[in-house]
Amino acid sequence: MRRAFRWLWVKKWKRLVPIALVIFVVGNIALVELTSSSGFCNTCHIMGPYYDSWATGSHKNVACVKCHISPGASNFVAAKLNGLGQVVDDVLNRTSTKPSASVNVLSCTRSGCHTIETLNTKAIVTDRFKFRHDKHLGAHHLGVEISCSTCHSHVKGDQHFEVNTGVCITCHLIETAPIEIQLRATGTGQDLTPSIRMEVRPVIAEITAGLPAVSDASLMVTRPPTPPGAEPVPPNHCTACHDAPNTLVQYQGIEVNHSEFLSFGAACVSCHRSVTATPPAIEDGSCLVCHNFGVERVTDSIDMHRIHSLGRHKVECFNCHGTIKHGPAAQTMSLEQFDCSQCHIDQHSIQRSEYALAGATTGRPEEAINPMFLAHVDCNGCHISARELHSNPTSPARVHAATPEACNRCHQPGFGEKMVPLWQNATKALYAAAEKALAETEPLATSDEAKALVAQARGLINIVKVDGSWGVHNPTYTQSLLEQAQGKLAQARQAPEADRP
């Protein structure tokens, strides 16, 4: 009986093994085909936005695996094994909410898609920018080997593998500051989060190549030639990416003809200054968006670019650098932040000096420090009442004047109404006495020593007059200045007279 049962089992097993092998092979082929379909990618709950952007993009007729799996059997098997692991992670609810994927240049140049020869001969010129693939493919910058996915990326939900012009700005117009990693001291001897500082590269003189000399050479700097063997720096003159508009441009009611300005040899930056906004610092907080650990191993910018651009999971430039504004939006922002000091030199310098004791002349400045300054009360703390300009009352411009009521925001009610007149009356009395002494002493000052003392006294008196607050900015310091003026005038009166011939 046992021998008969064993014979039947062996006979059945020999029939089942081929069937099982056939089922296994057919099943795996079916699974491979199923998981290779673009619709399968959308079964993962985090892939919805990416699938929707692919379905409406220029590559909607190209299967996801054609781009995201590089050609070759080994790459295909590795991708499927990695996908199996992702399925397990998804079942166990360990899927990251921030998927990352790379597209190798081999995928883009596979048979039936793009070819390097075609791309290198293709020049893209639009009404906004111009681009040549042969100037970029294979080039290196800050450790980044430029490939298709360097510029083409998933910019946002409705754009799948489109050109991210923010990459152009990051490479061509931004550079690392001289000190790449800046540790900001806390004042206690400890260091806070390190940050990589970036800055806008100055425009170079190639901007007007072939045109007459630029009249205002201060608008540009000449970059020295690249040393032999060094990595070339991407050009940052305007015409590297743009051509001047060949049509009339209407801007806020003004008709601009660029060809007319260019015929005069005008540089683009003579009108379009600050066209690139200052990029924010790249702090550790950006790293923590993706990393939960390892931030302490921060390295230099070149190695960091290499890791994040050539690794298995490419990181988009804007994920770290943020969106760097360039063009009209950045220039509009800059126009609202003009540096007034270019024209208004040392405006309110006397007031600042009185308030903050900058350039104090008193012998013991620690006794004259304004408690309001120590409490970090700025100008807007007291200047709260808008009024017309005294110099031009018909102008729509307004300035904020200080009022005693501003003191009531921090002090007890009525404090300003009580103290401001007290400070001003005391200062005005000292000022009147000092001016009287100056008028009496000046005719008597005949020697060089006496004249110098009178001039010093006049300067101290003039500080109080120009300040205009009559002691409110710093009562103790203002009164000290007037007392010093009185002392110098007394010394002038005691100085010997000049020898007469």
Protein backbone atom coordinates (compact mmCIF):
# COMPACT_ATOMS: atom_id res chain seq x y z
CA MET A 1 0.00 0.00 0.00
CA ARG A 2 2.75 2.41 0.97
CA ARG A 3 4.65 1.65 -2.25
CA ALA A 4 1.52 2.25 -4.33
CA PHE A 5 0.84 5.58 -2.59
CA ARG A 6 4.44 6.73 -3.21
CA TRP A 7 4.13 5.81 -6.90
CA LEU A 8 0.94 7.80 -7.25
CA TRP A 9 2.53 10.87 -5.48
CA VAL A 10 5.63 10.84 -7.67
CA LYS A 11 3.51 10.56 -10.79
CA LYS A 12 1.31 13.49 -9.67
CA TRP A 13 4.33 15.60 -8.69
CA LYS A 14 5.90 15.11 -12.10
CA ARG A 15 2.72 16.45 -13.67
CA LEU A 16 2.34 19.39 -11.25
CA VAL A 17 5.89 20.73 -11.52
CA PRO A 18 5.67 21.65 -15.20
CA ILE A 19 2.25 23.16 -14.61
CA ALA A 20 3.60 25.16 -11.67
CA LEU A 21 6.56 26.33 -13.72
CA VAL A 22 4.30 27.42 -16.53
CA ILE A 23 2.03 29.27 -14.09
CA PHE A 24 5.08 30.88 -12.44
CA VAL A 25 6.54 32.07 -15.75
CA VAL A 26 3.24 33.28 -17.15
CA GLY A 27 2.37 34.95 -13.85
CA ASN A 28 5.68 36.80 -13.67
CA ILE A 29 5.38 37.91 -17.27
CA ALA A 30 1.90 39.17 -16.51
CA LEU A 31 3.12 40.94 -13.37
CA VAL A 32 6.00 42.51 -15.27
CA GLU A 33 3.63 43.71 -17.96
CA LEU A 34 1.15 44.95 -15.37
CA THR A 35 3.74 46.82 -13.32
CA SER A 36 5.25 48.27 -16.49
CA SER A 37 2.03 49.98 -17.45
CA SER A 38 1.68 53.64 -16.62
CA GLY A 39 -1.72 53.04 -15.06
CA PHE A 40 -0.11 50.83 -12.40
CA CYS A 41 1.97 53.80 -11.19
CA ASN A 42 -1.26 55.60 -10.37
CA THR A 43 -2.37 52.83 -7.98
CA CYS A 44 -0.04 54.28 -5.34
CA HIS A 45 -1.85 57.03 -3.44
CA ILE A 46 1.08 59.47 -3.56
CA MET A 47 1.47 59.29 -7.34
CA GLY A 48 -1.79 60.97 -8.32
CA PRO A 49 -0.43 64.46 -9.09
CA TYR A 50 2.54 63.06 -11.00
CA TYR A 51 0.37 60.74 -13.06
CA ASP A 52 -2.06 63.54 -13.89
CA SER A 53 0.76 65.82 -15.04
CA TRP A 54 2.22 63.01 -17.17
CA ALA A 55 -1.19 62.32 -18.75
CA THR A 56 -1.42 65.95 -19.95
CA GLY A 57 2.28 66.49 -20.75
CA SER A 58 4.31 66.17 -23.90
CA HIS A 59 5.40 62.61 -22.95
CA LYS A 60 1.90 61.27 -22.36
CA ASN A 61 2.37 58.68 -25.14
CA VAL A 62 5.60 57.39 -23.58
CA ALA A 63 5.30 54.78 -20.83
CA CYS A 64 6.73 55.73 -17.45
CA VAL A 65 9.21 52.82 -17.48
CA LYS A 66 10.69 54.01 -20.78
CA CYS A 67 12.05 57.07 -18.99
CA HIS A 68 12.46 55.98 -15.37
CA ILE A 69 14.20 52.65 -16.15
CA SER A 70 17.44 52.97 -18.09
CA PRO A 71 18.03 50.65 -21.03
CA GLY A 72 19.64 47.29 -20.22
CA ALA A 73 18.55 44.02 -18.64
CA SER A 74 20.40 44.66 -15.39
CA ASN A 75 18.75 48.05 -14.98
CA PHE A 76 15.35 46.50 -15.69
CA VAL A 77 15.80 43.72 -13.11
CA ALA A 78 17.13 46.16 -10.49
CA ALA A 79 14.16 48.46 -11.06
CA LYS A 80 11.66 45.61 -10.68
CA LEU A 81 13.28 44.41 -7.46
CA ASN A 82 13.27 47.95 -6.16
CA GLY A 83 9.60 48.23 -7.15
CA LEU A 84 8.84 45.03 -5.22
CA GLY A 85 10.36 46.63 -2.16
CA GLN A 86 8.23 49.70 -2.69
CA VAL A 87 5.12 47.52 -2.84
CA VAL A 88 6.07 45.98 0.50
CA ASP A 89 6.65 49.45 1.95
CA ASP A 90 3.28 50.58 0.65
CA VAL A 91 1.50 47.57 2.19
CA LEU A 92 3.23 48.23 5.52
CA ASN A 93 2.41 51.96 5.27
CA ARG A 94 6.09 52.92 5.11
CA THR A 95 5.85 54.83 1.83
CA SER A 96 7.44 58.27 1.86
CA THR A 97 5.18 61.19 1.07
CA LYS A 98 7.96 62.70 -1.05
CA PRO A 99 8.70 60.33 -3.93
CA SER A 100 11.87 60.88 -5.92
CA ALA A 101 12.87 59.47 -9.27
CA SER A 102 15.61 60.04 -11.79
CA VAL A 103 15.68 59.98 -15.57
CA ASN A 104 19.01 58.89 -17.00
CA VAL A 105 20.30 60.44 -20.19
CA LEU A 106 20.38 56.92 -21.66
CA SER A 107 16.60 56.82 -21.40
CA CYS A 108 16.23 60.07 -23.29
CA THR A 109 18.60 58.96 -26.06
CA ARG A 110 17.33 55.41 -26.46
CA SER A 111 16.25 54.20 -29.89
CA GLY A 112 13.08 55.88 -31.09
CA CYS A 113 13.48 58.91 -28.80
CA HIS A 114 16.08 61.69 -28.95
CA THR A 115 19.62 61.46 -30.26
CA ILE A 116 22.66 63.43 -29.14
CA GLU A 117 23.38 64.43 -32.73
CA THR A 118 19.88 65.84 -33.21
CA LEU A 119 19.95 67.70 -29.92
CA ASN A 120 23.37 69.24 -30.56
CA THR A 121 22.20 70.72 -33.84
CA LYS A 122 18.93 72.01 -32.43
CA ALA A 123 18.76 75.67 -31.42
CA ILE A 124 15.74 76.80 -29.43
CA VAL A 125 14.85 80.47 -29.79
CA THR A 126 11.61 81.87 -28.41
CA ASP A 127 10.40 85.35 -27.62
CA ARG A 128 11.71 84.89 -24.07
CA PHE A 129 14.98 82.97 -24.27
CA LYS A 130 17.41 81.09 -26.49
CA PHE A 131 19.11 77.79 -25.78
CA ARG A 132 21.58 75.37 -27.36
CA HIS A 133 21.94 71.80 -26.15
CA ASP A 134 25.51 71.42 -27.38
CA LYS A 135 26.64 74.17 -24.98
CA HIS A 136 25.18 72.32 -22.00
CA LEU A 137 25.14 68.54 -22.44
CA GLY A 138 28.15 67.01 -20.72
CA ALA A 139 29.32 70.30 -19.22
CA HIS A 140 30.16 70.54 -15.52
CA HIS A 141 29.42 73.28 -12.99
CA LEU A 142 29.91 73.08 -9.21
CA GLY A 143 30.15 69.31 -9.38
CA VAL A 144 27.00 68.97 -11.48
CA GLU A 145 27.28 67.10 -14.76
CA ILE A 146 24.60 68.67 -16.90
CA SER A 147 22.25 66.12 -18.39
CA CYS A 148 18.65 66.11 -19.61
CA SER A 149 17.17 65.92 -16.11
CA THR A 150 19.23 68.88 -14.92
CA CYS A 151 16.96 71.31 -16.77
CA HIS A 152 13.93 69.11 -17.48
CA SER A 153 12.21 68.21 -14.23
CA HIS A 154 8.91 67.93 -12.44
CA VAL A 155 8.51 71.61 -11.70
CA LYS A 156 5.03 71.49 -10.23
CA GLY A 157 1.84 69.46 -10.31
CA ASP A 158 0.72 70.39 -13.82
CA GLN A 159 4.15 70.19 -15.48
CA HIS A 160 5.85 66.83 -15.94
CA PHE A 161 9.47 66.87 -17.12
CA GLU A 162 9.19 70.41 -18.43
CA VAL A 163 12.01 72.95 -18.57
CA ASN A 164 12.64 74.53 -15.19
CA THR A 165 14.00 77.99 -15.99
CA GLY A 166 14.95 78.39 -12.34
CA VAL A 167 17.90 76.11 -13.10
CA CYS A 168 19.17 78.61 -15.68
CA ILE A 169 19.17 81.36 -13.06
CA THR A 170 20.84 79.20 -10.44
CA CYS A 171 23.78 78.27 -12.69
CA HIS A 172 24.23 81.42 -14.77
CA LEU A 173 23.40 84.21 -12.32
CA ILE A 174 24.09 82.88 -8.83
CA GLU A 175 27.37 82.00 -7.15
CA THR A 176 28.51 80.98 -3.70
CA ALA A 177 29.66 83.78 -1.46
CA PRO A 178 33.36 83.87 -0.52
CA ILE A 179 32.59 82.16 2.80
CA GLU A 180 30.42 79.24 1.77
CA ILE A 181 29.44 77.98 5.19
CA GLN A 182 28.72 80.71 7.67
CA LEU A 183 28.26 79.86 11.33
CA ARG A 184 26.15 82.50 12.99
CA ALA A 185 27.24 83.02 16.56
CA THR A 186 24.63 83.15 19.26
CA GLY A 187 26.73 85.35 21.54
CA THR A 188 27.25 82.51 23.99
CA GLY A 189 30.15 80.86 22.21
CA GLN A 190 27.89 78.28 20.56
CA ASP A 191 27.13 77.93 16.87
CA LEU A 192 23.70 77.82 15.32
CA THR A 193 22.57 76.17 12.11
CA PRO A 194 25.17 76.44 9.34
CA SER A 195 23.99 78.02 6.12
CA ILE A 196 25.43 78.20 2.62
CA ARG A 197 25.33 81.80 1.46
CA MET A 198 24.61 82.59 -2.18
CA GLU A 199 24.81 85.91 -3.99
CA VAL A 200 24.01 87.37 -7.39
CA ARG A 201 26.93 87.33 -9.79
CA PRO A 202 27.91 90.75 -11.17
CA VAL A 203 27.16 91.34 -14.84
CA ILE A 204 30.26 91.13 -17.01
CA ALA A 205 31.34 93.30 -19.91
CA GLU A 206 30.53 90.75 -22.62
CA ILE A 207 26.98 92.06 -22.49
CA THR A 208 27.68 94.57 -25.27
CA ALA A 209 30.08 92.55 -27.39
CA GLY A 210 30.32 94.05 -30.87
CA LEU A 211 28.62 97.28 -29.83
CA PRO A 212 30.13 100.70 -29.05
CA ALA A 213 31.74 101.19 -25.67
CA VAL A 214 29.41 101.59 -22.71
CA SER A 215 29.45 105.10 -21.32
CA ASP A 216 28.91 104.03 -17.73
CA ALA A 217 31.56 101.38 -17.09
CA SER A 218 30.63 101.28 -13.39
CA LEU A 219 27.53 99.29 -14.31
CA MET A 220 29.61 96.21 -15.13
CA VAL A 221 32.73 94.40 -14.06
CA THR A 222 35.22 92.52 -16.20
CA ARG A 223 35.67 88.94 -15.07
CA PRO A 224 39.24 87.63 -15.42
CA PRO A 225 39.80 84.75 -17.88
CA THR A 226 39.36 81.20 -16.62
CA PRO A 227 42.72 79.74 -15.53
CA PRO A 228 43.99 76.77 -17.58
CA GLY A 229 42.49 73.51 -16.37
CA ALA A 230 39.86 75.20 -14.23
CA GLU A 231 36.16 74.52 -14.61
CA PRO A 232 34.61 77.13 -16.94
CA VAL A 233 32.05 79.41 -15.35
CA PRO A 234 28.67 79.71 -17.10
CA PRO A 235 28.35 83.09 -18.86
CA ASN A 236 26.15 85.60 -17.09
CA HIS A 237 25.79 88.37 -19.65
CA CYS A 238 22.20 89.03 -20.70
CA THR A 239 22.62 88.06 -24.34
CA ALA A 240 23.77 84.56 -23.38
CA CYS A 241 20.13 83.69 -22.69
CA HIS A 242 18.13 86.54 -24.22
CA ASP A 243 18.13 88.70 -27.29
CA ALA A 244 16.79 92.21 -27.03
CA PRO A 245 13.13 92.48 -28.12
CA ASN A 246 12.87 93.38 -31.81
CA THR A 247 9.44 94.94 -31.38
CA LEU A 248 8.25 98.04 -29.58
CA VAL A 249 7.51 97.42 -25.91
CA GLN A 250 4.78 99.30 -24.07
CA TYR A 251 5.68 99.74 -20.40
CA GLN A 252 3.48 101.81 -18.09
CA GLY A 253 2.52 104.16 -20.91
CA ILE A 254 6.09 104.45 -22.25
CA GLU A 255 7.06 103.10 -25.67
CA VAL A 256 10.49 101.45 -25.54
CA ASN A 257 12.51 100.69 -28.67
CA HIS A 258 15.41 98.51 -27.57
CA SER A 259 17.25 98.72 -30.89
CA GLU A 260 17.54 102.49 -30.46
CA PHE A 261 19.21 102.16 -27.07
CA LEU A 262 21.50 99.38 -28.26
CA SER A 263 22.63 101.51 -31.20
CA PHE A 264 23.95 104.00 -28.65
CA GLY A 265 25.96 101.24 -26.97
CA ALA A 266 23.73 101.22 -23.90
CA ALA A 267 24.08 98.21 -21.62
CA CYS A 268 21.05 96.21 -20.57
CA VAL A 269 21.82 96.88 -16.92
CA SER A 270 21.68 100.62 -17.49
CA CYS A 271 17.89 100.18 -17.30
CA HIS A 272 17.43 96.67 -15.95
CA ARG A 273 19.29 96.88 -12.68
CA SER A 274 18.72 94.38 -9.87
CA VAL A 275 16.94 92.07 -12.28
CA THR A 276 17.81 89.05 -10.12
CA ALA A 277 16.66 88.93 -6.52
CA THR A 278 19.12 87.97 -3.81
CA PRO A 279 18.71 84.24 -3.14
CA PRO A 280 17.89 83.17 0.41
CA ALA A 281 20.47 81.25 2.41
CA ILE A 282 20.25 77.47 2.20
CA GLU A 283 19.80 76.36 5.80
CA ASP A 284 19.59 72.99 7.46
CA GLY A 285 15.82 73.32 7.52
CA SER A 286 15.86 72.63 3.78
CA CYS A 287 17.76 69.39 4.37
CA LEU A 288 15.32 68.25 7.03
CA VAL A 289 12.51 68.28 4.48
CA CYS A 290 14.02 65.09 3.07
CA HIS A 291 16.52 63.93 5.70
CA ASN A 292 15.78 62.89 9.26
CA PHE A 293 19.45 62.45 10.11
CA GLY A 294 22.92 63.06 8.72
CA VAL A 295 22.67 66.85 8.49
CA GLU A 296 25.70 67.16 10.74
CA ARG A 297 27.76 65.67 7.92
CA VAL A 298 27.26 68.79 5.78
CA THR A 299 30.03 69.14 3.23
CA ASP A 300 31.21 71.77 0.79
CA SER A 301 28.91 72.98 -1.96
CA ILE A 302 30.70 71.18 -4.83
CA ASP A 303 30.48 67.77 -3.18
CA MET A 304 26.91 68.46 -2.10
CA HIS A 305 25.90 69.29 -5.68
CA ARG A 306 27.55 66.08 -6.90
CA ILE A 307 25.70 63.93 -4.36
CA HIS A 308 22.30 65.45 -5.05
CA SER A 309 22.56 65.68 -8.82
CA LEU A 310 24.24 62.37 -9.68
CA GLY A 311 22.72 60.15 -7.01
CA ARG A 312 20.02 57.55 -7.52
CA HIS A 313 17.36 60.05 -6.50
CA LYS A 314 17.84 63.43 -8.12
CA VAL A 315 16.96 66.51 -6.08
CA GLU A 316 15.54 69.46 -7.97
CA CYS A 317 17.54 72.68 -7.67
CA PHE A 318 14.63 74.72 -6.36
CA ASN A 319 14.04 72.25 -3.52
CA CYS A 320 17.16 73.64 -1.85
CA HIS A 321 17.72 77.01 -3.50
CA GLY A 322 14.08 78.02 -3.49
CA THR A 323 12.55 80.03 -6.31
CA ILE A 324 14.99 82.78 -7.24
CA LYS A 325 13.14 85.68 -8.79
CA HIS A 326 14.50 87.00 -12.08
CA GLY A 327 12.98 89.42 -14.53
CA PRO A 328 10.20 91.98 -14.10
CA ALA A 329 8.95 90.46 -10.84
CA ALA A 330 12.37 90.75 -9.21
CA GLN A 331 12.97 94.20 -10.67
CA THR A 332 9.62 95.45 -9.39
CA MET A 333 10.55 94.23 -5.94
CA SER A 334 13.88 96.01 -6.24
CA LEU A 335 12.23 99.28 -7.32
CA GLU A 336 10.31 99.28 -4.08
CA GLN A 337 13.57 98.98 -2.16
CA PHE A 338 15.73 101.69 -3.68
CA ASP A 339 18.83 102.55 -1.73
CA CYS A 340 17.91 106.10 -0.73
CA SER A 341 21.45 106.69 0.55
CA GLN A 342 22.67 106.98 -3.04
CA CYS A 343 21.13 110.45 -3.13
CA HIS A 344 20.22 111.27 0.48
CA ILE A 345 23.69 111.11 2.01
CA ASP A 346 23.85 111.01 5.81
CA GLN A 347 20.16 111.86 6.07
CA HIS A 348 19.19 111.94 9.76
CA SER A 349 22.78 111.13 10.76
CA ILE A 350 22.67 113.78 13.53
CA GLN A 351 19.45 112.32 14.92
CA ARG A 352 20.89 108.81 14.86
CA SER A 353 24.06 109.99 16.58
CA GLU A 354 22.11 111.71 19.34
CA TYR A 355 19.86 108.73 19.91
CA ALA A 356 22.48 105.99 19.70
CA LEU A 357 25.46 108.03 20.97
CA ALA A 358 27.39 107.31 17.76
CA GLY A 359 30.48 109.51 17.76
CA ALA A 360 29.76 110.73 21.28
CA THR A 361 31.84 113.70 22.37
CA THR A 362 30.91 113.63 26.03
CA GLY A 363 33.63 112.57 28.40
CA ARG A 364 31.49 109.91 30.09
CA PRO A 365 29.11 108.52 27.43
CA GLU A 366 27.93 105.67 29.66
CA GLU A 367 26.04 108.24 31.73
CA ALA A 368 24.32 109.65 28.64
CA ILE A 369 23.06 106.43 27.03
CA ASN A 370 19.35 106.76 26.27
CA PRO A 371 17.31 104.07 28.08
CA MET A 372 14.96 104.01 25.08
CA PHE A 373 17.87 102.99 22.85
CA LEU A 374 18.87 100.25 25.28
CA ALA A 375 15.26 99.00 25.17
CA HIS A 376 15.53 98.69 21.35
CA VAL A 377 12.86 101.30 20.65
CA ASP A 378 13.31 102.29 17.02
CA CYS A 379 12.19 105.47 15.23
CA ASN A 380 8.71 104.10 14.56
CA GLY A 381 8.14 103.72 18.26
CA CYS A 382 7.75 107.48 18.69
CA HIS A 383 7.14 108.79 15.16
CA ILE A 384 3.53 107.67 14.78
CA SER A 385 1.63 110.73 13.55
CA ALA A 386 1.56 111.36 9.77
CA ARG A 387 1.78 115.00 8.70
CA GLU A 388 2.49 117.03 5.56
CA LEU A 389 5.98 118.12 4.61
CA HIS A 390 6.85 121.55 5.98
CA SER A 391 9.16 122.14 3.03
CA ASN A 392 6.46 121.36 0.45
CA PRO A 393 2.94 121.33 1.96
CA THR A 394 1.30 120.80 -1.47
CA SER A 395 3.13 117.52 -1.99
CA PRO A 396 1.12 114.30 -1.40
CA ALA A 397 4.13 112.95 0.55
CA ARG A 398 3.77 112.46 4.29
CA VAL A 399 6.22 111.95 7.12
CA HIS A 400 5.64 110.43 10.51
CA ALA A 401 6.23 112.91 13.29
CA ALA A 402 6.83 112.11 16.93
CA THR A 403 4.07 112.92 19.42
CA PRO A 404 3.99 112.83 23.23
CA GLU A 405 1.08 110.38 23.03
CA ALA A 406 3.48 107.73 21.70
CA CYS A 407 5.01 107.50 25.19
CA ASN A 408 1.68 106.26 26.52
CA ARG A 409 2.07 103.01 24.60
CA CYS A 410 4.67 101.84 27.11
CA HIS A 411 4.52 104.29 30.01
CA GLN A 412 1.70 105.40 32.24
CA PRO A 413 -0.89 107.73 30.66
CA GLY A 414 0.26 111.34 30.53
CA PHE A 415 3.97 110.47 30.75
CA GLY A 416 4.81 111.98 27.35
CA GLU A 417 2.72 115.11 27.90
CA LYS A 418 4.62 115.67 31.15
CA MET A 419 8.19 114.77 30.20
CA VAL A 420 8.52 116.06 26.63
CA PRO A 421 7.90 119.74 27.55
CA LEU A 422 10.20 119.32 30.54
CA TRP A 423 13.05 118.00 28.35
CA GLN A 424 12.53 120.56 25.63
CA ASN A 425 12.22 123.59 27.94
CA ALA A 426 15.39 122.63 29.79
CA THR A 427 17.26 122.08 26.51
CA LYS A 428 16.02 125.32 24.96
CA ALA A 429 17.12 127.28 28.04
CA LEU A 430 20.61 125.79 27.84
CA TYR A 431 20.68 126.35 24.08
CA ALA A 432 19.74 130.04 24.46
CA ALA A 433 22.43 130.52 27.08
CA ALA A 434 25.01 128.82 24.87
CA GLU A 435 24.09 130.91 21.83
CA LYS A 436 24.31 134.09 23.92
CA ALA A 437 27.73 133.07 25.20
CA LEU A 438 28.82 132.27 21.64
CA ALA A 439 27.75 135.69 20.40
CA GLU A 440 29.61 137.40 23.25
CA THR A 441 32.78 135.29 22.99
CA GLU A 442 33.30 135.16 19.20
CA PRO A 443 34.37 138.86 18.80
CA LEU A 444 36.88 138.42 21.62
CA ALA A 445 38.53 135.33 20.13
CA THR A 446 41.60 136.65 18.37
CA SER A 447 44.18 133.94 18.94
CA ASP A 448 44.25 130.68 17.02
CA GLU A 449 43.58 128.74 20.22
CA ALA A 450 40.53 130.82 21.06
CA LYS A 451 39.18 130.61 17.51
CA ALA A 452 39.52 126.82 17.56
CA LEU A 453 37.63 126.60 20.85
CA VAL A 454 34.86 128.84 19.51
CA ALA A 455 34.59 126.70 16.37
CA GLN A 456 34.29 123.55 18.49
CA ALA A 457 31.61 125.17 20.63
CA ARG A 458 29.68 126.27 17.53
CA GLY A 459 29.79 122.69 16.23
CA LEU A 460 28.34 121.31 19.46
CA ILE A 461 25.58 123.93 19.49
CA ASN A 462 24.81 123.21 15.84
CA ILE A 463 24.35 119.48 16.60
CA VAL A 464 21.55 120.32 18.99
CA LYS A 465 19.98 122.74 16.50
CA VAL A 466 20.12 120.32 13.56
CA ASP A 467 18.79 117.44 15.65
CA GLY A 468 15.58 119.43 16.12
CA SER A 469 14.10 117.33 18.91
CA TRP A 470 15.34 119.74 21.60
CA GLY A 471 16.49 116.98 23.85
CA VAL A 472 13.81 114.37 23.27
CA HIS A 473 16.13 112.03 21.35
CA ASN A 474 18.51 111.98 24.32
CA PRO A 475 18.00 114.58 27.06
CA THR A 476 21.13 113.80 29.06
CA TYR A 477 23.41 113.70 26.05
CA THR A 478 21.93 116.86 24.49
CA GLN A 479 22.37 118.84 27.69
CA SER A 480 25.91 117.48 28.00
CA LEU A 481 26.73 118.82 24.52
CA LEU A 482 25.50 122.29 25.45
CA GLU A 483 27.43 122.21 28.74
CA GLN A 484 30.57 121.22 26.82
CA ALA A 485 29.98 124.14 24.45
CA GLN A 486 29.73 126.51 27.41
CA GLY A 487 32.97 125.11 28.81
CA LYS A 488 34.85 125.60 25.54
CA LEU A 489 33.57 129.17 25.27
CA ALA A 490 34.78 129.85 28.82
CA GLN A 491 38.21 128.50 27.85
CA ALA A 492 38.21 130.73 24.77
CA ARG A 493 37.53 133.81 26.87
CA GLN A 494 40.48 132.93 29.10
CA ALA A 495 42.84 132.23 26.20
CA PRO A 496 45.56 134.84 25.64
CA GLU A 497 44.94 137.41 22.96
CA ALA A 498 46.71 137.20 19.65
CA ASP A 499 49.94 139.11 19.29
CA ARG A 500 49.38 142.20 17.20
CA PRO A 501 52.06 143.39 14.78
